[in-house]
Amino acid sequence: MKPGLSRRNGNLTRCKSAFQQLELGLVRPADFQKRFIARQITDIALDPFTTIQREHVGAVNTIDIEEAEGRYLLSGGGDGNIHVYDLDKSEREERRIIKSMASAYSPGGHKGGVSRARWYPFDNGMFTTSSFDNTVKVWDTNAMEVEEESVC
């Protein structure tokens, strides 16, 4: 049977929601979580009344929303900088402006552009980054300092 289809009374019908697919075991929980985060990012990007304040000088190479609360957005840029945004503490007037609440700039950060930034799955107090400078770093979110560093 194809993914996304279920059998009811001999008829194949499309599942009406991603939640149904998860409940029926048609989609793995990890895949469901990835879809959910991608949907959150798309909703923010397409909302005409929401703006994320631009902090990176160059391109934004990677973004991630933490899974524990779905509240914090992490971005890494071509400028080597990292920013954390609180999606719940935004100015709520006619337009919603999401501002950076914490940043890590060079020299404590990467010397090259950030290629990937990901939250630690079970704790938004930590995240990891990799960079075109061939390093991988584990960060303490509260201090915005590197806890561990490895050269690849």
C-alpha atoms as a PDB file:
ATOM      1  CA  MET A   1       0.000   0.000   0.000  1.00  0.00           C
ATOM      2  CA  LYS A   2       1.302   3.490  -0.857  1.00  0.00           C
ATOM      3  CA  PRO A   3       2.187   5.890   1.994  1.00  0.00           C
ATOM      4  CA  GLY A   4      -0.628   8.288   2.784  1.00  0.00           C
ATOM      5  CA  LEU A   5      -3.339   5.771   1.852  1.00  0.00           C
ATOM      6  CA  SER A   6      -5.507   3.707   4.151  1.00  0.00           C
ATOM      7  CA  ARG A   7      -8.011   0.943   3.429  1.00  0.00           C
ATOM      8  CA  ARG A   8     -11.585   1.520   4.575  1.00  0.00           C
ATOM      9  CA  ASN A   9     -14.388  -0.815   3.547  1.00  0.00           C
ATOM     10  CA  GLY A  10     -12.316  -2.028   0.627  1.00  0.00           C
ATOM     11  CA  ASN A  11     -11.766   1.498  -0.728  1.00  0.00           C
ATOM     12  CA  LEU A  12      -8.470   3.331  -0.738  1.00  0.00           C
ATOM     13  CA  THR A  13      -8.876   6.822   0.627  1.00  0.00           C
ATOM     14  CA  ARG A  14      -6.392   9.596   1.302  1.00  0.00           C
ATOM     15  CA  CYS A  15      -5.663  10.285   4.948  1.00  0.00           C
ATOM     16  CA  LYS A  16      -7.037  13.717   5.776  1.00  0.00           C
ATOM     17  CA  SER A  17      -4.188  14.937   7.936  1.00  0.00           C
ATOM     18  CA  ALA A  18      -0.599  14.355   8.860  1.00  0.00           C
ATOM     19  CA  PHE A  19      -1.808  13.485  12.364  1.00  0.00           C
ATOM     20  CA  GLN A  20      -3.902  10.632  10.959  1.00  0.00           C
ATOM     21  CA  GLN A  21      -0.889   9.349   9.058  1.00  0.00           C
ATOM     22  CA  LEU A  22       1.134   9.415  12.280  1.00  0.00           C
ATOM     23  CA  GLU A  23      -1.621   7.640  14.247  1.00  0.00           C
ATOM     24  CA  LEU A  24      -1.960   4.951  11.571  1.00  0.00           C
ATOM     25  CA  GLY A  25       1.781   4.350  11.518  1.00  0.00           C
ATOM     26  CA  LEU A  26       2.084   5.480   7.900  1.00  0.00           C
ATOM     27  CA  VAL A  27       4.744   8.028   8.780  1.00  0.00           C
ATOM     28  CA  ARG A  28       7.629   7.756  11.245  1.00  0.00           C
ATOM     29  CA  PRO A  29       7.628  10.192  14.201  1.00  0.00           C
ATOM     30  CA  ALA A  30      10.974  11.682  13.096  1.00  0.00           C
ATOM     31  CA  ASP A  31       9.594  12.371   9.604  1.00  0.00           C
ATOM     32  CA  PHE A  32       6.428  13.863  11.101  1.00  0.00           C
ATOM     33  CA  GLN A  33       8.550  16.193  13.264  1.00  0.00           C
ATOM     34  CA  LYS A  34      10.584  17.318  10.234  1.00  0.00           C
ATOM     35  CA  ARG A  35       7.381  18.070   8.303  1.00  0.00           C
ATOM     36  CA  PHE A  36       5.954  19.955  11.291  1.00  0.00           C
ATOM     37  CA  ILE A  37       9.051  22.165  11.636  1.00  0.00           C
ATOM     38  CA  ALA A  38       9.169  22.769   7.872  1.00  0.00           C
ATOM     39  CA  ARG A  39       5.510  23.819   8.037  1.00  0.00           C
ATOM     40  CA  GLN A  40       6.234  26.251  10.893  1.00  0.00           C
ATOM     41  CA  ILE A  41       9.063  27.848   8.914  1.00  0.00           C
ATOM     42  CA  THR A  42       6.873  28.099   5.803  1.00  0.00           C
ATOM     43  CA  ASP A  43       4.033  29.671   7.812  1.00  0.00           C
ATOM     44  CA  ILE A  44       6.387  32.342   9.176  1.00  0.00           C
ATOM     45  CA  ALA A  45       7.911  33.025   5.754  1.00  0.00           C
ATOM     46  CA  LEU A  46       4.545  33.358   4.002  1.00  0.00           C
ATOM     47  CA  ASP A  47       2.751  35.410   6.676  1.00  0.00           C
ATOM     48  CA  PRO A  48       2.438  38.953   5.270  1.00  0.00           C
ATOM     49  CA  PHE A  49       2.159  40.384   8.801  1.00  0.00           C
ATOM     50  CA  THR A  50       5.319  38.737  10.174  1.00  0.00           C
ATOM     51  CA  THR A  51       8.871  39.946   9.646  1.00  0.00           C
ATOM     52  CA  ILE A  52      12.065  38.407  10.971  1.00  0.00           C
ATOM     53  CA  GLN A  53      14.533  41.205  11.625  1.00  0.00           C
ATOM     54  CA  ARG A  54      17.572  40.700   9.393  1.00  0.00           C
ATOM     55  CA  GLU A  55      20.759  40.251  11.412  1.00  0.00           C
ATOM     56  CA  HIS A  56      23.106  38.416   9.033  1.00  0.00           C
ATOM     57  CA  VAL A  57      25.334  40.494   6.764  1.00  0.00           C
ATOM     58  CA  GLY A  58      25.436  37.783   4.095  1.00  0.00           C
ATOM     59  CA  ALA A  59      23.204  34.889   3.174  1.00  0.00           C
ATOM     60  CA  VAL A  60      21.305  32.801   5.722  1.00  0.00           C
ATOM     61  CA  ASN A  61      22.581  29.264   5.114  1.00  0.00           C
ATOM     62  CA  THR A  62      20.629  27.287   7.706  1.00  0.00           C
ATOM     63  CA  ILE A  63      17.666  27.611  10.063  1.00  0.00           C
ATOM     64  CA  ASP A  64      16.120  25.291  12.631  1.00  0.00           C
ATOM     65  CA  ILE A  65      13.251  25.488  15.126  1.00  0.00           C
ATOM     66  CA  GLU A  66      13.812  23.622  18.383  1.00  0.00           C
ATOM     67  CA  GLU A  67      11.544  20.637  18.959  1.00  0.00           C
ATOM     68  CA  ALA A  68      11.018  20.866  22.733  1.00  0.00           C
ATOM     69  CA  GLU A  69       8.743  23.939  22.659  1.00  0.00           C
ATOM     70  CA  GLY A  70       8.702  25.005  19.008  1.00  0.00           C
ATOM     71  CA  ARG A  71       9.566  28.468  20.276  1.00  0.00           C
ATOM     72  CA  TYR A  72      13.182  29.256  19.328  1.00  0.00           C
ATOM     73  CA  LEU A  73      14.536  29.697  15.816  1.00  0.00           C
ATOM     74  CA  LEU A  74      18.263  29.256  15.194  1.00  0.00           C
ATOM     75  CA  SER A  75      19.973  30.718  12.118  1.00  0.00           C
ATOM     76  CA  GLY A  76      23.498  30.453  10.763  1.00  0.00           C
ATOM     77  CA  GLY A  77      24.863  32.672   8.038  1.00  0.00           C
ATOM     78  CA  GLY A  78      27.526  33.022   5.425  1.00  0.00           C
ATOM     79  CA  ASP A  79      29.064  35.703   7.646  1.00  0.00           C
ATOM     80  CA  GLY A  80      29.932  33.013  10.247  1.00  0.00           C
ATOM     81  CA  ASN A  81      27.449  34.407  12.760  1.00  0.00           C
ATOM     82  CA  ILE A  82      24.672  32.619  14.634  1.00  0.00           C
ATOM     83  CA  HIS A  83      21.417  34.138  15.891  1.00  0.00           C
ATOM     84  CA  VAL A  84      18.643  32.856  18.155  1.00  0.00           C
ATOM     85  CA  TYR A  85      15.128  34.266  17.759  1.00  0.00           C
ATOM     86  CA  ASP A  86      12.254  33.879  20.233  1.00  0.00           C
ATOM     87  CA  LEU A  87       9.135  33.295  18.130  1.00  0.00           C
ATOM     88  CA  ASP A  88       6.799  33.988  21.076  1.00  0.00           C
ATOM     89  CA  LYS A  89       8.303  37.298  22.251  1.00  0.00           C
ATOM     90  CA  SER A  90       7.703  39.415  19.199  1.00  0.00           C
ATOM     91  CA  GLU A  91       6.233  42.873  18.955  1.00  0.00           C
ATOM     92  CA  ARG A  92       2.530  42.358  18.331  1.00  0.00           C
ATOM     93  CA  GLU A  93       1.032  45.394  16.741  1.00  0.00           C
ATOM     94  CA  GLU A  94      -0.257  45.546  13.181  1.00  0.00           C
ATOM     95  CA  ARG A  95       2.924  43.790  12.077  1.00  0.00           C
ATOM     96  CA  ARG A  96       4.747  41.084  14.017  1.00  0.00           C
ATOM     97  CA  ILE A  97       8.515  41.671  14.165  1.00  0.00           C
ATOM     98  CA  ILE A  98      10.650  38.780  15.388  1.00  0.00           C
ATOM     99  CA  LYS A  99      13.983  40.067  16.728  1.00  0.00           C
ATOM    100  CA  SER A 100      17.210  38.261  17.530  1.00  0.00           C
ATOM    101  CA  MET A 101      17.505  37.653  21.281  1.00  0.00           C
ATOM    102  CA  ALA A 102      21.070  36.262  21.265  1.00  0.00           C
ATOM    103  CA  SER A 103      23.982  36.222  18.838  1.00  0.00           C
ATOM    104  CA  ALA A 104      27.432  34.692  18.487  1.00  0.00           C
ATOM    105  CA  TYR A 105      29.899  36.602  16.364  1.00  0.00           C
ATOM    106  CA  SER A 106      33.472  35.796  15.379  1.00  0.00           C
ATOM    107  CA  PRO A 107      36.081  35.403  16.996  1.00  0.00           C
ATOM    108  CA  GLY A 108      34.179  33.085  19.390  1.00  0.00           C
ATOM    109  CA  GLY A 109      32.193  31.701  16.507  1.00  0.00           C
ATOM    110  CA  HIS A 110      33.203  30.252  13.178  1.00  0.00           C
ATOM    111  CA  LYS A 111      35.851  31.708  10.881  1.00  0.00           C
ATOM    112  CA  GLY A 112      33.924  30.550   7.813  1.00  0.00           C
ATOM    113  CA  GLY A 113      30.242  30.556   6.938  1.00  0.00           C
ATOM    114  CA  VAL A 114      27.935  28.362   9.019  1.00  0.00           C
ATOM    115  CA  SER A 115      26.807  25.415   6.906  1.00  0.00           C
ATOM    116  CA  ARG A 116      24.444  23.759   9.391  1.00  0.00           C
ATOM    117  CA  ALA A 117      22.897  24.682  12.752  1.00  0.00           C
ATOM    118  CA  ARG A 118      20.734  22.256  14.716  1.00  0.00           C
ATOM    119  CA  TRP A 119      19.147  22.284  18.153  1.00  0.00           C
ATOM    120  CA  TYR A 120      19.949  19.484  20.559  1.00  0.00           C
ATOM    121  CA  PRO A 121      16.796  17.322  20.317  1.00  0.00           C
ATOM    122  CA  PHE A 122      15.801  17.234  23.984  1.00  0.00           C
ATOM    123  CA  ASP A 123      17.119  20.491  25.422  1.00  0.00           C
ATOM    124  CA  ASN A 124      16.996  23.984  23.923  1.00  0.00           C
ATOM    125  CA  GLY A 125      19.951  24.893  26.159  1.00  0.00           C
ATOM    126  CA  MET A 126      22.345  23.422  23.586  1.00  0.00           C
ATOM    127  CA  PHE A 127      22.814  23.445  19.829  1.00  0.00           C
ATOM    128  CA  THR A 128      25.442  22.379  17.312  1.00  0.00           C
ATOM    129  CA  THR A 129      26.906  24.101  14.282  1.00  0.00           C
ATOM    130  CA  SER A 130      29.193  23.078  11.465  1.00  0.00           C
ATOM    131  CA  SER A 131      31.066  25.434   9.218  1.00  0.00           C
ATOM    132  CA  PHE A 132      32.985  25.767   5.993  1.00  0.00           C
ATOM    133  CA  ASP A 133      36.048  26.316   8.234  1.00  0.00           C
ATOM    134  CA  ASN A 134      35.891  22.512   8.837  1.00  0.00           C
ATOM    135  CA  THR A 135      34.836  22.736  12.483  1.00  0.00           C
ATOM    136  CA  VAL A 136      31.873  21.395  14.424  1.00  0.00           C
ATOM    137  CA  LYS A 137      30.916  23.210  17.625  1.00  0.00           C
ATOM    138  CA  VAL A 138      28.582  22.473  20.521  1.00  0.00           C
ATOM    139  CA  TRP A 139      27.141  25.654  22.039  1.00  0.00           C
ATOM    140  CA  ASP A 140      25.618  26.625  25.382  1.00  0.00           C
ATOM    141  CA  THR A 141      22.536  28.628  24.391  1.00  0.00           C
ATOM    142  CA  ASN A 142      22.317  30.614  27.637  1.00  0.00           C
ATOM    143  CA  ALA A 143      25.910  31.879  27.469  1.00  0.00           C
ATOM    144  CA  MET A 144      26.183  31.747  23.647  1.00  0.00           C
ATOM    145  CA  GLU A 145      29.629  30.238  24.134  1.00  0.00           C
ATOM    146  CA  VAL A 146      31.315  27.212  22.603  1.00  0.00           C
ATOM    147  CA  GLU A 147      31.410  24.235  24.992  1.00  0.00           C
ATOM    148  CA  GLU A 148      33.095  21.741  22.645  1.00  0.00           C
ATOM    149  CA  GLU A 149      34.891  22.097  19.323  1.00  0.00           C
ATOM    150  CA  SER A 150      36.103  19.516  16.836  1.00  0.00           C
ATOM    151  CA  VAL A 151      38.089  19.941  13.624  1.00  0.00           C
ATOM    152  CA  CYS A 152      36.992  17.726  10.747  1.00  0.00           C
END
